[in-house]
Amino acid sequence: MPRLAIREDLLSGQTTMERFVYAARLGIPAVELSADGLGERIDEVVEAMAATGLEIAAIDHGPRGGILHVDPGERERALAELRQSICDAADLGASGVVFVPQFGALMLPDLTPFLSAEGLAAELLLSHLRTLEDYAAAMGVSLFIRSLRQQESAFLHRFEAAAAIARKRNHPSVRVAAGTFDLHAEGVDIPATLRPCADMLGYLYLVEAGLDAAAIAAVASALKANDYNGWVTLESRAPQAEHDLSAAVESLRASGFA
């Protein structure tokens, strides 16, 4: 059964505790946290979790790029940050860390006929995953490779491409995070796109904008048909905008999300 969560930046409140209390009042069992500044407020989060009974769905590593940088020093810096997010996820009992391998255009060179820039990026990512996956597994968390729309990332902007990377590693701690906003932006049939790679889907973001009730219900039905029991996290690409979260949560439950 898909489990409902929400990104912290959608929740009202001046403090961590206030935001968690708001999520609990909405009846949402888990919150996704940003990795930015998380180390300095771990104690606050633990206190809020204890007070509300909420879980941490995942840590969003955010726009901390660099693991596919051309500079080895930048790659190591970025990998160290990702390892820290893995540690934070383990400390908070989160299911894993959501990360985007590359924001924007690829910086790696085109080495055709040997390898294209995209092919080189894929090989470099696979190389990183060989060590990261075992590190994450030892910590009891997963790595979720996020597939973004092409407007935001030139690499793995198709869900099936990200799933192919995860499948190639064939490791239980490596799965894909997809989002209905990104899939909708790519103009695909969301249930039909998810179905062939359902075993590689480990985390799903849902934005109601652009999807009607029937489309949301179809996504919920597809997830259940494929025995998906991971988190479905409510997000917004305009988090500072006004959101009627009560209505959104009610709509999601009516569509079949727990």
C-alpha atoms as a PDB file:
ATOM      1  CA  MET A   1       0.000   0.000   0.000  1.00  0.00           C
ATOM      2  CA  PRO A   2       1.514   3.392  -0.991  1.00  0.00           C
ATOM      3  CA  ARG A   3       2.179   5.563   2.057  1.00  0.00           C
ATOM      4  CA  LEU A   4       1.561   9.306   2.026  1.00  0.00           C
ATOM      5  CA  ALA A   5       4.232  11.851   3.036  1.00  0.00           C
ATOM      6  CA  ILE A   6       4.783  15.565   2.511  1.00  0.00           C
ATOM      7  CA  ARG A   7       7.766  17.811   1.918  1.00  0.00           C
ATOM      8  CA  GLU A   8       8.550  19.992   4.906  1.00  0.00           C
ATOM      9  CA  ASP A   9       8.674  23.159   2.790  1.00  0.00           C
ATOM     10  CA  LEU A  10       4.931  22.837   2.146  1.00  0.00           C
ATOM     11  CA  LEU A  11       4.065  22.916   5.839  1.00  0.00           C
ATOM     12  CA  SER A  12       3.131  26.079   7.724  1.00  0.00           C
ATOM     13  CA  GLY A  13       5.068  26.931  10.864  1.00  0.00           C
ATOM     14  CA  GLN A  14       8.058  28.925  12.063  1.00  0.00           C
ATOM     15  CA  THR A  15       9.743  25.997  13.792  1.00  0.00           C
ATOM     16  CA  THR A  16      10.355  22.337  13.064  1.00  0.00           C
ATOM     17  CA  MET A  17       7.932  21.396  15.830  1.00  0.00           C
ATOM     18  CA  GLU A  18       5.175  23.635  14.439  1.00  0.00           C
ATOM     19  CA  ARG A  19       5.557  22.157  10.972  1.00  0.00           C
ATOM     20  CA  PHE A  20       5.459  18.576  12.268  1.00  0.00           C
ATOM     21  CA  VAL A  21       2.394  19.332  14.388  1.00  0.00           C
ATOM     22  CA  TYR A  22       0.701  20.722  11.270  1.00  0.00           C
ATOM     23  CA  ALA A  23       1.529  17.554   9.310  1.00  0.00           C
ATOM     24  CA  ALA A  24       0.144  15.421  12.132  1.00  0.00           C
ATOM     25  CA  ARG A  25      -3.031  17.502  12.163  1.00  0.00           C
ATOM     26  CA  LEU A  26      -3.421  16.809   8.433  1.00  0.00           C
ATOM     27  CA  GLY A  27      -3.164  13.101   9.185  1.00  0.00           C
ATOM     28  CA  ILE A  28       0.027  12.651   7.154  1.00  0.00           C
ATOM     29  CA  PRO A  29       2.320  10.051   8.766  1.00  0.00           C
ATOM     30  CA  ALA A  30       5.689  11.236   7.425  1.00  0.00           C
ATOM     31  CA  VAL A  31       7.693  14.273   6.363  1.00  0.00           C
ATOM     32  CA  GLU A  32      10.475  14.599   3.801  1.00  0.00           C
ATOM     33  CA  LEU A  33      13.355  16.832   4.892  1.00  0.00           C
ATOM     34  CA  SER A  34      15.855  18.869   2.903  1.00  0.00           C
ATOM     35  CA  ALA A  35      19.525  18.065   3.444  1.00  0.00           C
ATOM     36  CA  ASP A  36      20.333  21.794   3.594  1.00  0.00           C
ATOM     37  CA  GLY A  37      21.267  22.671   7.154  1.00  0.00           C
ATOM     38  CA  LEU A  38      19.938  19.378   8.448  1.00  0.00           C
ATOM     39  CA  GLY A  39      23.021  18.547  10.491  1.00  0.00           C
ATOM     40  CA  GLU A  40      22.467  21.610  12.680  1.00  0.00           C
ATOM     41  CA  ARG A  41      18.887  20.685  13.555  1.00  0.00           C
ATOM     42  CA  ILE A  42      18.929  16.908  13.935  1.00  0.00           C
ATOM     43  CA  ASP A  43      18.016  17.266  17.619  1.00  0.00           C
ATOM     44  CA  GLU A  44      15.032  19.493  16.752  1.00  0.00           C
ATOM     45  CA  VAL A  45      13.807  16.941  14.229  1.00  0.00           C
ATOM     46  CA  VAL A  46      14.171  14.048  16.678  1.00  0.00           C
ATOM     47  CA  GLU A  47      12.219  16.027  19.282  1.00  0.00           C
ATOM     48  CA  ALA A  48       9.448  16.800  16.781  1.00  0.00           C
ATOM     49  CA  MET A  49       9.292  13.161  15.693  1.00  0.00           C
ATOM     50  CA  ALA A  50       8.954  12.014  19.305  1.00  0.00           C
ATOM     51  CA  ALA A  51       6.238  14.575  20.046  1.00  0.00           C
ATOM     52  CA  THR A  52       4.107  13.856  16.966  1.00  0.00           C
ATOM     53  CA  GLY A  53       4.868  10.226  16.145  1.00  0.00           C
ATOM     54  CA  LEU A  54       5.745  11.187  12.562  1.00  0.00           C
ATOM     55  CA  GLU A  55       8.375   9.378  10.508  1.00  0.00           C
ATOM     56  CA  ILE A  56      10.935  10.804   8.098  1.00  0.00           C
ATOM     57  CA  ALA A  57      10.098   9.540   4.609  1.00  0.00           C
ATOM     58  CA  ALA A  58      13.434  10.502   3.040  1.00  0.00           C
ATOM     59  CA  ILE A  59      16.140  13.134   2.869  1.00  0.00           C
ATOM     60  CA  ASP A  60      16.086  15.268  -0.275  1.00  0.00           C
ATOM     61  CA  HIS A  61      19.743  15.901  -1.103  1.00  0.00           C
ATOM     62  CA  GLY A  62      18.612  18.928  -3.098  1.00  0.00           C
ATOM     63  CA  PRO A  63      20.539  20.923  -5.710  1.00  0.00           C
ATOM     64  CA  ARG A  64      23.915  19.776  -4.442  1.00  0.00           C
ATOM     65  CA  GLY A  65      25.407  18.757  -7.758  1.00  0.00           C
ATOM     66  CA  GLY A  66      28.940  17.764  -8.499  1.00  0.00           C
ATOM     67  CA  ILE A  67      29.211  13.979  -8.491  1.00  0.00           C
ATOM     68  CA  LEU A  68      29.473  14.116 -12.308  1.00  0.00           C
ATOM     69  CA  HIS A  69      31.765  17.171 -12.356  1.00  0.00           C
ATOM     70  CA  VAL A  70      34.822  17.139 -14.609  1.00  0.00           C
ATOM     71  CA  ASP A  71      37.026  18.155 -11.649  1.00  0.00           C
ATOM     72  CA  PRO A  72      37.971  15.202  -9.383  1.00  0.00           C
ATOM     73  CA  GLY A  73      38.126  17.511  -6.363  1.00  0.00           C
ATOM     74  CA  GLU A  74      34.572  18.707  -6.968  1.00  0.00           C
ATOM     75  CA  ARG A  75      33.396  15.130  -7.402  1.00  0.00           C
ATOM     76  CA  GLU A  76      34.930  14.102  -4.072  1.00  0.00           C
ATOM     77  CA  ARG A  77      33.392  17.101  -2.318  1.00  0.00           C
ATOM     78  CA  ALA A  78      29.978  16.212  -3.732  1.00  0.00           C
ATOM     79  CA  LEU A  79      30.353  12.539  -2.793  1.00  0.00           C
ATOM     80  CA  ALA A  80      31.281  13.511   0.771  1.00  0.00           C
ATOM     81  CA  GLU A  81      28.092  15.607   0.985  1.00  0.00           C
ATOM     82  CA  LEU A  82      26.032  12.696  -0.329  1.00  0.00           C
ATOM     83  CA  ARG A  83      27.591  10.338   2.213  1.00  0.00           C
ATOM     84  CA  GLN A  84      26.655  12.827   4.950  1.00  0.00           C
ATOM     85  CA  SER A  85      23.053  12.813   3.749  1.00  0.00           C
ATOM     86  CA  ILE A  86      23.109   9.012   3.935  1.00  0.00           C
ATOM     87  CA  CYS A  87      24.314   9.249   7.550  1.00  0.00           C
ATOM     88  CA  ASP A  88      21.587  11.783   8.385  1.00  0.00           C
ATOM     89  CA  ALA A  89      18.956   9.506   6.841  1.00  0.00           C
ATOM     90  CA  ALA A  90      20.198   6.603   8.939  1.00  0.00           C
ATOM     91  CA  ASP A  91      20.195   8.698  12.117  1.00  0.00           C
ATOM     92  CA  LEU A  92      16.567   9.703  11.531  1.00  0.00           C
ATOM     93  CA  GLY A  93      15.288   6.309  10.391  1.00  0.00           C
ATOM     94  CA  ALA A  94      14.451   7.600   6.907  1.00  0.00           C
ATOM     95  CA  SER A  95      13.934   5.201   4.036  1.00  0.00           C
ATOM     96  CA  GLY A  96      16.729   6.796   2.045  1.00  0.00           C
ATOM     97  CA  VAL A  97      18.228   9.756   0.235  1.00  0.00           C
ATOM     98  CA  VAL A  98      16.780  11.243  -2.952  1.00  0.00           C
ATOM     99  CA  PHE A  99      19.468  12.717  -5.189  1.00  0.00           C
ATOM    100  CA  VAL A 100      19.709  14.170  -8.689  1.00  0.00           C
ATOM    101  CA  PRO A 101      22.956  13.095 -10.393  1.00  0.00           C
ATOM    102  CA  GLN A 102      23.108  16.189 -12.600  1.00  0.00           C
ATOM    103  CA  PHE A 103      21.234  19.480 -12.658  1.00  0.00           C
ATOM    104  CA  GLY A 104      21.259  21.350 -15.946  1.00  0.00           C
ATOM    105  CA  ALA A 105      23.603  20.515 -18.801  1.00  0.00           C
ATOM    106  CA  LEU A 106      26.288  17.857 -18.564  1.00  0.00           C
ATOM    107  CA  MET A 107      29.811  19.166 -18.013  1.00  0.00           C
ATOM    108  CA  LEU A 108      31.554  15.992 -19.170  1.00  0.00           C
ATOM    109  CA  PRO A 109      33.107  15.926 -22.653  1.00  0.00           C
ATOM    110  CA  ASP A 110      31.705  14.155 -25.674  1.00  0.00           C
ATOM    111  CA  LEU A 111      34.219  11.399 -26.453  1.00  0.00           C
ATOM    112  CA  THR A 112      32.448   9.814 -29.407  1.00  0.00           C
ATOM    113  CA  PRO A 113      33.026   7.370 -30.975  1.00  0.00           C
ATOM    114  CA  PHE A 114      34.252   6.016 -27.610  1.00  0.00           C
ATOM    115  CA  LEU A 115      31.496   7.447 -25.401  1.00  0.00           C
ATOM    116  CA  SER A 116      29.039  10.307 -25.674  1.00  0.00           C
ATOM    117  CA  ALA A 117      28.835  12.794 -22.819  1.00  0.00           C
ATOM    118  CA  GLU A 118      25.669  11.028 -21.629  1.00  0.00           C
ATOM    119  CA  GLY A 119      27.338   7.618 -21.887  1.00  0.00           C
ATOM    120  CA  LEU A 120      30.338   8.881 -19.936  1.00  0.00           C
ATOM    121  CA  ALA A 121      28.025  10.324 -17.261  1.00  0.00           C
ATOM    122  CA  ALA A 122      26.230   6.973 -16.978  1.00  0.00           C
ATOM    123  CA  GLU A 123      29.500   5.081 -16.517  1.00  0.00           C
ATOM    124  CA  LEU A 124      30.724   7.581 -13.932  1.00  0.00           C
ATOM    125  CA  LEU A 125      27.450   7.340 -12.010  1.00  0.00           C
ATOM    126  CA  LEU A 126      27.614   3.541 -12.072  1.00  0.00           C
ATOM    127  CA  SER A 127      31.164   3.731 -10.719  1.00  0.00           C
ATOM    128  CA  HIS A 128      30.043   5.968  -7.842  1.00  0.00           C
ATOM    129  CA  LEU A 129      27.105   3.685  -7.064  1.00  0.00           C
ATOM    130  CA  ARG A 130      29.399   0.671  -6.644  1.00  0.00           C
ATOM    131  CA  THR A 131      30.699   2.152  -3.405  1.00  0.00           C
ATOM    132  CA  LEU A 132      27.731   4.312  -2.387  1.00  0.00           C
ATOM    133  CA  GLU A 133      25.240   1.444  -2.549  1.00  0.00           C
ATOM    134  CA  ASP A 134      27.165  -0.678  -0.058  1.00  0.00           C
ATOM    135  CA  TYR A 135      27.692   2.324   2.213  1.00  0.00           C
ATOM    136  CA  ALA A 136      23.961   3.044   2.148  1.00  0.00           C
ATOM    137  CA  ALA A 137      23.081  -0.608   2.716  1.00  0.00           C
ATOM    138  CA  ALA A 138      25.399  -0.753   5.727  1.00  0.00           C
ATOM    139  CA  MET A 139      23.517   2.260   7.116  1.00  0.00           C
ATOM    140  CA  GLY A 140      20.149   0.628   6.441  1.00  0.00           C
ATOM    141  CA  VAL A 141      18.952   3.187   3.883  1.00  0.00           C
ATOM    142  CA  SER A 142      18.394   3.375   0.122  1.00  0.00           C
ATOM    143  CA  LEU A 143      19.600   5.672  -2.627  1.00  0.00           C
ATOM    144  CA  PHE A 144      16.849   7.030  -4.858  1.00  0.00           C
ATOM    145  CA  ILE A 145      18.096   8.366  -8.202  1.00  0.00           C
ATOM    146  CA  ARG A 146      15.699  11.158  -9.103  1.00  0.00           C
ATOM    147  CA  SER A 147      14.627  11.589 -12.698  1.00  0.00           C
ATOM    148  CA  LEU A 148      13.766  15.219 -13.518  1.00  0.00           C
ATOM    149  CA  ARG A 149      12.160  16.747 -16.572  1.00  0.00           C
ATOM    150  CA  GLN A 150      14.529  17.696 -19.409  1.00  0.00           C
ATOM    151  CA  GLN A 151      14.129  21.395 -18.647  1.00  0.00           C
ATOM    152  CA  GLU A 152      15.926  20.819 -15.332  1.00  0.00           C
ATOM    153  CA  SER A 153      18.347  18.041 -16.184  1.00  0.00           C
ATOM    154  CA  ALA A 154      19.945  16.899 -19.420  1.00  0.00           C
ATOM    155  CA  PHE A 155      20.761  13.530 -17.849  1.00  0.00           C
ATOM    156  CA  LEU A 156      18.281  10.773 -16.937  1.00  0.00           C
ATOM    157  CA  HIS A 157      15.278  12.982 -17.629  1.00  0.00           C
ATOM    158  CA  ARG A 158      13.358   9.878 -18.685  1.00  0.00           C
ATOM    159  CA  PHE A 159      12.196   7.564 -15.918  1.00  0.00           C
ATOM    160  CA  GLU A 160      13.109   4.463 -17.894  1.00  0.00           C
ATOM    161  CA  ALA A 161      16.698   5.733 -18.347  1.00  0.00           C
ATOM    162  CA  ALA A 162      17.125   6.159 -14.596  1.00  0.00           C
ATOM    163  CA  ALA A 163      15.530   2.737 -14.060  1.00  0.00           C
ATOM    164  CA  ALA A 164      18.043   1.201 -16.483  1.00  0.00           C
ATOM    165  CA  ILE A 165      20.904   2.546 -14.353  1.00  0.00           C
ATOM    166  CA  ALA A 166      19.348   1.118 -11.189  1.00  0.00           C
ATOM    167  CA  ARG A 167      18.682  -2.209 -12.888  1.00  0.00           C
ATOM    168  CA  LYS A 168      22.264  -2.407 -14.126  1.00  0.00           C
ATOM    169  CA  ARG A 169      23.543  -2.081 -10.573  1.00  0.00           C
ATOM    170  CA  ASN A 170      21.001  -4.712  -9.456  1.00  0.00           C
ATOM    171  CA  HIS A 171      21.397  -3.698  -5.812  1.00  0.00           C
ATOM    172  CA  PRO A 172      18.464  -3.606  -3.355  1.00  0.00           C
ATOM    173  CA  SER A 173      19.625  -0.239  -1.994  1.00  0.00           C
ATOM    174  CA  VAL A 174      19.470   1.521  -5.396  1.00  0.00           C
ATOM    175  CA  ARG A 175      16.100   2.536  -6.759  1.00  0.00           C
ATOM    176  CA  VAL A 176      14.551   5.440  -8.694  1.00  0.00           C
ATOM    177  CA  ALA A 177      12.544   8.434  -7.494  1.00  0.00           C
ATOM    178  CA  ALA A 178      10.069   9.747 -10.045  1.00  0.00           C
ATOM    179  CA  GLY A 179       7.619  12.624  -9.958  1.00  0.00           C
ATOM    180  CA  THR A 180       4.231  13.060 -11.591  1.00  0.00           C
ATOM    181  CA  PHE A 181       5.121  16.682 -12.401  1.00  0.00           C
ATOM    182  CA  ASP A 182       8.183  15.597 -14.375  1.00  0.00           C
ATOM    183  CA  LEU A 183       6.431  12.707 -16.094  1.00  0.00           C
ATOM    184  CA  HIS A 184       3.509  14.944 -17.013  1.00  0.00           C
ATOM    185  CA  ALA A 185       5.930  17.585 -18.358  1.00  0.00           C
ATOM    186  CA  GLU A 186       7.512  14.943 -20.609  1.00  0.00           C
ATOM    187  CA  GLY A 187       4.060  14.233 -22.047  1.00  0.00           C
ATOM    188  CA  VAL A 188       3.943  10.548 -21.152  1.00  0.00           C
ATOM    189  CA  ASP A 189       1.160   8.291 -19.951  1.00  0.00           C
ATOM    190  CA  ILE A 190       2.228   8.036 -16.303  1.00  0.00           C
ATOM    191  CA  PRO A 191       0.794   4.582 -15.385  1.00  0.00           C
ATOM    192  CA  ALA A 192       2.024   3.123 -18.686  1.00  0.00           C
ATOM    193  CA  THR A 193       5.505   4.601 -18.170  1.00  0.00           C
ATOM    194  CA  LEU A 194       5.829   3.326 -14.602  1.00  0.00           C
ATOM    195  CA  ARG A 195       4.533  -0.178 -15.318  1.00  0.00           C
ATOM    196  CA  PRO A 196       7.523  -1.758 -17.196  1.00  0.00           C
ATOM    197  CA  CYS A 197      10.000  -0.491 -14.584  1.00  0.00           C
ATOM    198  CA  ALA A 198       7.777  -0.795 -11.525  1.00  0.00           C
ATOM    199  CA  ASP A 199      10.320  -2.976  -9.722  1.00  0.00           C
ATOM    200  CA  MET A 200      12.858  -0.133  -9.879  1.00  0.00           C
ATOM    201  CA  LEU A 201      10.515   2.528  -8.479  1.00  0.00           C
ATOM    202  CA  GLY A 202      11.431   3.238  -4.875  1.00  0.00           C
ATOM    203  CA  TYR A 203       9.964   6.679  -4.235  1.00  0.00           C
ATOM    204  CA  LEU A 204       7.302   8.809  -5.911  1.00  0.00           C
ATOM    205  CA  TYR A 205       6.555  12.534  -5.788  1.00  0.00           C
ATOM    206  CA  LEU A 206       3.039  13.666  -6.528  1.00  0.00           C
ATOM    207  CA  VAL A 207       1.887  17.130  -7.587  1.00  0.00           C
ATOM    208  CA  GLU A 208      -1.810  17.582  -8.144  1.00  0.00           C
ATOM    209  CA  ALA A 209      -1.259  20.520 -10.500  1.00  0.00           C
ATOM    210  CA  GLY A 210      -1.812  19.384 -14.080  1.00  0.00           C
ATOM    211  CA  LEU A 211      -3.504  16.123 -13.086  1.00  0.00           C
ATOM    212  CA  ASP A 212      -7.228  15.687 -12.688  1.00  0.00           C
ATOM    213  CA  ALA A 213      -8.847  13.350 -10.157  1.00  0.00           C
ATOM    214  CA  ALA A 214      -9.102  10.542 -12.706  1.00  0.00           C
ATOM    215  CA  ALA A 215      -5.382  10.773 -13.527  1.00  0.00           C
ATOM    216  CA  ILE A 216      -4.422  10.709  -9.845  1.00  0.00           C
ATOM    217  CA  ALA A 217      -6.685   7.713  -9.262  1.00  0.00           C
ATOM    218  CA  ALA A 218      -5.052   5.968 -12.242  1.00  0.00           C
ATOM    219  CA  VAL A 219      -1.597   6.510 -10.706  1.00  0.00           C
ATOM    220  CA  ALA A 220      -2.806   5.123  -7.361  1.00  0.00           C
ATOM    221  CA  SER A 221      -4.302   2.102  -9.103  1.00  0.00           C
ATOM    222  CA  ALA A 222      -1.087   1.457 -11.061  1.00  0.00           C
ATOM    223  CA  LEU A 223       1.001   1.592  -7.885  1.00  0.00           C
ATOM    224  CA  LYS A 224      -1.271  -0.858  -6.108  1.00  0.00           C
ATOM    225  CA  ALA A 225      -1.318  -3.201  -9.103  1.00  0.00           C
ATOM    226  CA  ASN A 226       2.473  -3.312  -8.974  1.00  0.00           C
ATOM    227  CA  ASP A 227       2.520  -3.856  -5.181  1.00  0.00           C
ATOM    228  CA  TYR A 228       4.273  -0.555  -4.564  1.00  0.00           C
ATOM    229  CA  ASN A 229       4.544   0.030  -0.813  1.00  0.00           C
ATOM    230  CA  GLY A 230       6.938   2.975  -0.743  1.00  0.00           C
ATOM    231  CA  TRP A 231       6.324   6.622   0.017  1.00  0.00           C
ATOM    232  CA  VAL A 232       4.246   8.926  -2.157  1.00  0.00           C
ATOM    233  CA  THR A 233       5.364  12.424  -1.204  1.00  0.00           C
ATOM    234  CA  LEU A 234       3.303  15.509  -1.850  1.00  0.00           C
ATOM    235  CA  GLU A 235       5.479  18.249  -3.343  1.00  0.00           C
ATOM    236  CA  SER A 236       5.105  21.571  -5.129  1.00  0.00           C
ATOM    237  CA  ARG A 237       7.417  23.271  -7.597  1.00  0.00           C
ATOM    238  CA  ALA A 238       6.150  26.568  -6.120  1.00  0.00           C
ATOM    239  CA  PRO A 239       6.479  25.852  -2.377  1.00  0.00           C
ATOM    240  CA  GLN A 240       6.011  29.490  -1.360  1.00  0.00           C
ATOM    241  CA  ALA A 241       2.599  29.653  -3.017  1.00  0.00           C
ATOM    242  CA  GLU A 242      -0.621  29.224  -1.085  1.00  0.00           C
ATOM    243  CA  HIS A 243      -1.736  25.603  -0.855  1.00  0.00           C
ATOM    244  CA  ASP A 244      -4.962  24.150   0.476  1.00  0.00           C
ATOM    245  CA  LEU A 245      -3.257  21.118   1.980  1.00  0.00           C
ATOM    246  CA  SER A 246      -6.367  19.799   3.707  1.00  0.00           C
ATOM    247  CA  ALA A 247      -8.204  19.632   0.390  1.00  0.00           C
ATOM    248  CA  ALA A 248      -5.178  18.118  -1.354  1.00  0.00           C
ATOM    249  CA  VAL A 249      -4.776  15.373   1.245  1.00  0.00           C
ATOM    250  CA  GLU A 250      -8.512  14.630   1.180  1.00  0.00           C
ATOM    251  CA  SER A 251      -8.387  14.385  -2.607  1.00  0.00           C
ATOM    252  CA  LEU A 252      -5.426  12.001  -2.501  1.00  0.00           C
ATOM    253  CA  ARG A 253      -7.127   9.743   0.022  1.00  0.00           C
ATOM    254  CA  ALA A 254     -10.282   9.722  -2.077  1.00  0.00           C
ATOM    255  CA  SER A 255      -8.114   8.653  -5.030  1.00  0.00           C
ATOM    256  CA  GLY A 256      -6.722   5.684  -3.145  1.00  0.00           C
ATOM    257  CA  PHE A 257      -3.630   6.922  -1.322  1.00  0.00           C
ATOM    258  CA  ALA A 258      -3.340   5.987   2.351  1.00  0.00           C
END
